Protein backbone atom coordinates (compact mmCIF):
# COMPACT_ATOMS: atom_id res chain seq x y z
CA MET A 1 -4.51 -38.84 62.47
CA LYS A 2 -3.52 -41.29 65.13
CA ASN A 3 -3.54 -44.16 62.37
CA GLN A 4 -1.48 -41.66 60.14
CA GLY A 5 1.56 -41.62 62.54
CA TYR A 6 0.52 -38.47 64.65
CA ASP A 7 1.10 -40.09 68.09
CA TYR A 8 1.44 -36.99 70.12
CA LEU A 9 -1.10 -34.46 71.37
CA LYS A 10 0.72 -31.32 71.74
CA LYS A 11 -2.19 -28.85 72.54
CA VAL A 12 -5.90 -28.51 72.28
CA THR A 13 -7.53 -25.02 72.72
CA ALA A 14 -10.22 -23.12 71.43
CA VAL A 15 -10.69 -19.69 69.56
CA ASP A 16 -13.63 -17.50 69.49
CA TYR A 17 -13.70 -15.52 66.43
CA GLY A 18 -17.51 -13.92 67.58
CA ASP A 19 -19.63 -15.46 64.88
CA ARG A 20 -18.28 -19.05 65.76
CA LEU A 21 -15.61 -20.95 68.02
CA GLU A 22 -13.25 -22.96 66.76
CA VAL A 23 -11.37 -25.74 68.59
CA VAL A 24 -7.79 -26.28 67.57
CA TYR A 25 -5.49 -29.48 67.83
CA ILE A 26 -2.32 -29.47 67.36
CA VAL A 27 -0.77 -33.27 66.87
CA TYR A 28 2.74 -34.45 66.34
CA ASP A 29 4.42 -37.46 64.57
CA THR A 30 7.52 -38.21 66.73
CA ALA A 31 9.07 -40.61 64.27
CA ARG A 32 9.05 -38.33 61.22
CA ARG A 33 9.23 -35.04 63.51
CA ARG A 34 6.27 -33.43 61.73
CA GLU A 35 3.29 -31.30 63.10
CA GLU A 36 -0.28 -30.83 62.01
CA VAL A 37 -2.85 -28.36 63.02
CA VAL A 38 -6.47 -29.32 62.68
CA GLY A 39 -9.42 -26.89 63.38
CA VAL A 40 -13.22 -27.74 63.89
CA ARG A 41 -15.92 -25.24 63.53
CA LEU A 42 -18.60 -24.72 66.31
CA GLU A 43 -21.79 -22.69 66.36
CA PRO A 44 -21.36 -20.43 69.47
CA GLU A 45 -25.07 -20.72 70.36
CA SER A 46 -24.62 -24.36 71.50
CA PRO A 47 -20.90 -25.30 71.09
CA GLU A 48 -20.16 -28.98 71.29
CA ILE A 49 -17.82 -31.79 70.68
CA VAL A 50 -17.03 -35.28 71.10
CA THR A 51 -14.02 -35.97 73.24
CA VAL A 52 -10.76 -37.38 71.99
CA MET A 53 -9.54 -38.85 75.06
CA ASN A 54 -10.13 -42.48 73.92
CA ILE A 55 -7.57 -41.71 71.37
CA TYR A 56 -4.91 -39.08 73.00
CA LYS A 57 -5.19 -39.32 76.95
CA ALA A 58 -3.41 -35.78 77.17
CA ALA A 59 -6.64 -34.35 76.14
CA ASP A 60 -7.93 -34.41 79.46
CA TRP A 61 -7.13 -31.28 80.89
CA TYR A 62 -7.10 -29.20 77.75
CA GLU A 63 -10.88 -30.29 77.27
CA ARG A 64 -11.74 -29.60 80.86
CA GLU A 65 -10.23 -26.24 80.20
CA MET A 66 -12.36 -25.65 76.88
CA SER A 67 -15.43 -26.65 79.13
CA GLU A 68 -15.09 -24.47 81.72
CA MET A 69 -13.41 -21.40 79.97
CA PHE A 70 -15.52 -21.58 76.42
CA GLY A 71 -18.54 -23.07 77.66
CA ILE A 72 -17.84 -25.95 74.94
CA ARG A 73 -19.99 -29.41 75.80
CA ILE A 74 -17.62 -32.26 75.50
CA LEU A 75 -19.63 -35.03 74.78
CA GLY A 76 -18.50 -38.40 76.04
CA ARG A 77 -17.20 -36.68 79.33
CA LYS A 78 -18.49 -36.97 83.03
CA ALA A 79 -18.61 -33.45 84.82
CA ASP A 80 -15.43 -32.57 86.56
CA ARG A 81 -14.71 -30.46 89.18
CA LEU A 82 -13.75 -27.11 88.08
CA LEU A 83 -9.93 -26.84 87.20
CA LEU A 84 -9.51 -23.02 89.02
CA GLU A 85 -11.13 -23.89 92.25
CA LYS A 86 -11.49 -20.32 93.66
CA TRP A 87 -13.50 -19.26 90.52
CA ASN A 88 -17.55 -19.65 91.05
CA GLY A 89 -17.87 -21.20 87.57
CA LYS A 90 -20.11 -18.57 86.26
CA GLY A 91 -19.90 -17.47 82.68
CA THR A 92 -17.22 -18.24 80.04
CA PRO A 93 -14.32 -15.65 80.74
CA LEU A 94 -12.46 -16.71 77.33
CA ARG A 95 -15.49 -15.76 75.23
CA LYS A 96 -15.75 -12.30 73.62
CA SER A 97 -19.31 -12.12 74.83
CA PHE A 98 -17.91 -12.15 78.74
CA GLY A 99 -18.00 -8.50 79.34
CA TRP A 100 -14.55 -7.90 81.05
CA GLY A 101 -14.49 -4.84 83.33
CA LYS A 102 -18.16 -5.29 84.40
CA PRO A 103 -18.30 -6.06 88.08
CA TYR A 104 -18.45 -9.85 88.68
CA GLU A 105 -19.66 -11.55 91.86
CA ARG A 106 -16.64 -12.90 94.07
CA ARG A 107 -16.69 -16.01 96.28
CA GLY A 108 -15.03 -15.77 99.67
CA GLY A 109 -14.03 -12.85 101.69
CA GLY A 110 -10.62 -11.78 99.92
């Protein structure tokens, strides 16, 4: 996409459809003022995808969020600290299987 003029990465996110995960990239061509949405399907049992940071530097935080919140392994990246420092890092809260409303372990005293 970058070779076709899409020089700006607007967003990277993931969607959990229950039976599969999808990583969604929104890229923008600033010269022609056009946008494209590209989706990549992943298996929910062992989701992994190659980093696009070598193409779009803006993918850094988006990929970290997908890794932390959806449990997607980003190949070609080193492990970073958690984005949400007070969260215990257990589970994948943006996956449908997370189990919201169930008791969870809290760190700290508050």
